[in-house]
Amino acid sequence: MLITFRCKAYANVTMFGDIGLALLKMMGHSGSVPGAIRAEDVAEALSQLKAELELAAKAQAEQPNADENDAELEPVISLSTRAQPLIELLSSALKKQCDVMWDS
């Protein structure tokens, strides 16, 4: 499943469903698809998302380093990196005071 985030102030952002759902939950939403954030609630959602991503990054940094055998595996893309397009969308929505919607 893919989740597409939309607002009038920014291009659509499409993410894999598991990542999109995790980010929605970090913003304080139930993770239901479709859904929306009203313009007046975007600031709080953005703030919560950034705070949760910071906590996740700290937890990731505290994990022990991978074994040398794991070096052959593909690199892991952090949730913070994957969240950047959504953060930009939310920031634009905040500046332009528009609603944010998502669907699959």
C-alpha atoms as a PDB file:
ATOM      1  CA  MET A   1       0.000   0.000   0.000  1.00  0.00           C
ATOM      2  CA  LEU A   2       1.099   3.572  -0.692  1.00  0.00           C
ATOM      3  CA  ILE A   3      -0.045   6.683   1.154  1.00  0.00           C
ATOM      4  CA  THR A   4      -0.193  10.034  -0.622  1.00  0.00           C
ATOM      5  CA  PHE A   5      -0.139  13.245   1.416  1.00  0.00           C
ATOM      6  CA  ARG A   6      -1.648  16.350  -0.208  1.00  0.00           C
ATOM      7  CA  CYS A   7      -2.004  20.050   0.464  1.00  0.00           C
ATOM      8  CA  LYS A   8      -2.502  23.091  -1.764  1.00  0.00           C
ATOM      9  CA  ALA A   9       0.862  24.599  -0.759  1.00  0.00           C
ATOM     10  CA  TYR A  10       3.174  21.718  -1.784  1.00  0.00           C
ATOM     11  CA  ALA A  11       3.545  18.878  -4.260  1.00  0.00           C
ATOM     12  CA  ASN A  12       2.024  15.512  -3.329  1.00  0.00           C
ATOM     13  CA  VAL A  13       4.225  13.245  -1.212  1.00  0.00           C
ATOM     14  CA  THR A  14       3.816   9.474  -1.671  1.00  0.00           C
ATOM     15  CA  MET A  15       5.281   6.994   0.821  1.00  0.00           C
ATOM     16  CA  PHE A  16       5.213   3.290   1.461  1.00  0.00           C
ATOM     17  CA  GLY A  17       2.272   2.468   3.718  1.00  0.00           C
ATOM     18  CA  ASP A  18       4.254   1.262   6.736  1.00  0.00           C
ATOM     19  CA  ILE A  19       6.406   4.393   6.802  1.00  0.00           C
ATOM     20  CA  GLY A  20       3.416   6.698   6.236  1.00  0.00           C
ATOM     21  CA  LEU A  21       1.436   5.026   9.025  1.00  0.00           C
ATOM     22  CA  ALA A  22       4.368   5.284  11.428  1.00  0.00           C
ATOM     23  CA  LEU A  23       4.724   8.990  10.673  1.00  0.00           C
ATOM     24  CA  LEU A  24       0.982   9.561  11.095  1.00  0.00           C
ATOM     25  CA  LYS A  25       1.122   7.943  14.523  1.00  0.00           C
ATOM     26  CA  MET A  26       4.134  10.089  15.415  1.00  0.00           C
ATOM     27  CA  MET A  27       2.016  13.145  14.579  1.00  0.00           C
ATOM     28  CA  GLY A  28      -0.579  11.976  17.113  1.00  0.00           C
ATOM     29  CA  HIS A  29      -3.103  10.536  14.651  1.00  0.00           C
ATOM     30  CA  SER A  30      -4.718   7.127  14.709  1.00  0.00           C
ATOM     31  CA  GLY A  31      -3.151   6.081  11.432  1.00  0.00           C
ATOM     32  CA  SER A  32      -6.470   5.771   9.641  1.00  0.00           C
ATOM     33  CA  VAL A  33      -6.374   6.179   5.872  1.00  0.00           C
ATOM     34  CA  PRO A  34      -7.888   8.352   4.439  1.00  0.00           C
ATOM     35  CA  GLY A  35      -7.561  11.228   6.865  1.00  0.00           C
ATOM     36  CA  ALA A  36      -6.817  14.920   7.246  1.00  0.00           C
ATOM     37  CA  ILE A  37      -5.325  17.580   9.477  1.00  0.00           C
ATOM     38  CA  ARG A  38      -7.082  20.923   9.656  1.00  0.00           C
ATOM     39  CA  ALA A  39      -4.928  23.977   8.970  1.00  0.00           C
ATOM     40  CA  GLU A  40      -5.100  25.092  12.602  1.00  0.00           C
ATOM     41  CA  ASP A  41      -3.740  21.700  13.773  1.00  0.00           C
ATOM     42  CA  VAL A  42      -0.773  21.478  11.372  1.00  0.00           C
ATOM     43  CA  ALA A  43       1.652  23.263  13.734  1.00  0.00           C
ATOM     44  CA  GLU A  44       0.992  20.765  16.540  1.00  0.00           C
ATOM     45  CA  ALA A  45       1.303  17.777  14.187  1.00  0.00           C
ATOM     46  CA  LEU A  46       4.611  19.083  12.822  1.00  0.00           C
ATOM     47  CA  SER A  47       5.942  19.714  16.314  1.00  0.00           C
ATOM     48  CA  GLN A  48       4.987  16.233  17.506  1.00  0.00           C
ATOM     49  CA  LEU A  49       6.491  14.613  14.410  1.00  0.00           C
ATOM     50  CA  LYS A  50       9.825  16.383  14.877  1.00  0.00           C
ATOM     51  CA  ALA A  51       9.940  15.494  18.590  1.00  0.00           C
ATOM     52  CA  GLU A  52       9.163  11.822  17.936  1.00  0.00           C
ATOM     53  CA  LEU A  53      11.749  11.631  15.151  1.00  0.00           C
ATOM     54  CA  GLU A  54      14.361  13.053  17.525  1.00  0.00           C
ATOM     55  CA  LEU A  55      13.532  10.376  20.100  1.00  0.00           C
ATOM     56  CA  ALA A  56      13.706   7.664  17.439  1.00  0.00           C
ATOM     57  CA  ALA A  57      17.100   8.936  16.254  1.00  0.00           C
ATOM     58  CA  LYS A  58      18.456   8.890  19.812  1.00  0.00           C
ATOM     59  CA  ALA A  59      17.182   5.350  20.326  1.00  0.00           C
ATOM     60  CA  GLN A  60      18.770   4.269  17.021  1.00  0.00           C
ATOM     61  CA  ALA A  61      22.103   5.833  18.016  1.00  0.00           C
ATOM     62  CA  GLU A  62      22.117   3.929  21.305  1.00  0.00           C
ATOM     63  CA  GLN A  63      21.804   0.547  19.593  1.00  0.00           C
ATOM     64  CA  PRO A  64      25.041  -1.444  19.313  1.00  0.00           C
ATOM     65  CA  ASN A  65      26.890  -1.376  15.992  1.00  0.00           C
ATOM     66  CA  ALA A  66      26.110  -4.085  13.449  1.00  0.00           C
ATOM     67  CA  ASP A  67      28.390  -7.065  12.964  1.00  0.00           C
ATOM     68  CA  GLU A  68      30.945  -7.053  10.158  1.00  0.00           C
ATOM     69  CA  ASN A  69      28.850  -9.702   8.390  1.00  0.00           C
ATOM     70  CA  ASP A  70      26.015  -7.195   8.117  1.00  0.00           C
ATOM     71  CA  ALA A  71      28.195  -4.870   6.030  1.00  0.00           C
ATOM     72  CA  GLU A  72      27.062  -6.700   2.892  1.00  0.00           C
ATOM     73  CA  LEU A  73      23.451  -5.717   3.505  1.00  0.00           C
ATOM     74  CA  GLU A  74      21.909  -2.650   1.893  1.00  0.00           C
ATOM     75  CA  PRO A  75      22.246   0.562   3.895  1.00  0.00           C
ATOM     76  CA  VAL A  76      19.382   1.419   6.208  1.00  0.00           C
ATOM     77  CA  ILE A  77      17.570   4.675   5.484  1.00  0.00           C
ATOM     78  CA  SER A  78      16.575   6.338   8.724  1.00  0.00           C
ATOM     79  CA  LEU A  79      13.004   7.285   9.477  1.00  0.00           C
ATOM     80  CA  SER A  80      14.155  10.902   9.840  1.00  0.00           C
ATOM     81  CA  THR A  81      15.442  10.875   6.273  1.00  0.00           C
ATOM     82  CA  ARG A  82      12.253   9.292   4.978  1.00  0.00           C
ATOM     83  CA  ALA A  83      10.183  11.891   6.847  1.00  0.00           C
ATOM     84  CA  GLN A  84      11.853  14.938   5.262  1.00  0.00           C
ATOM     85  CA  PRO A  85       9.407  15.313   2.344  1.00  0.00           C
ATOM     86  CA  LEU A  86       6.464  15.149   4.761  1.00  0.00           C
ATOM     87  CA  ILE A  87       8.115  17.681   7.075  1.00  0.00           C
ATOM     88  CA  GLU A  88       8.539  20.024   4.109  1.00  0.00           C
ATOM     89  CA  LEU A  89       4.890  19.513   3.117  1.00  0.00           C
ATOM     90  CA  LEU A  90       3.713  20.244   6.673  1.00  0.00           C
ATOM     91  CA  SER A  91       5.947  23.320   6.881  1.00  0.00           C
ATOM     92  CA  SER A  92       4.509  24.651   3.625  1.00  0.00           C
ATOM     93  CA  ALA A  93       0.971  23.920   4.797  1.00  0.00           C
ATOM     94  CA  LEU A  94       1.702  25.805   8.015  1.00  0.00           C
ATOM     95  CA  LYS A  95       3.005  28.851   6.137  1.00  0.00           C
ATOM     96  CA  LYS A  96       0.048  28.931   3.728  1.00  0.00           C
ATOM     97  CA  GLN A  97      -2.518  27.890   6.387  1.00  0.00           C
ATOM     98  CA  CYS A  98      -3.993  25.018   4.389  1.00  0.00           C
ATOM     99  CA  ASP A  99      -5.321  21.586   5.325  1.00  0.00           C
ATOM    100  CA  VAL A 100      -3.294  18.400   4.824  1.00  0.00           C
ATOM    101  CA  MET A 101      -5.036  15.263   3.535  1.00  0.00           C
ATOM    102  CA  TRP A 102      -3.879  11.726   2.875  1.00  0.00           C
ATOM    103  CA  ASP A 103      -5.265   8.632   1.192  1.00  0.00           C
ATOM    104  CA  SER A 104      -4.091   5.361  -0.280  1.00  0.00           C
END
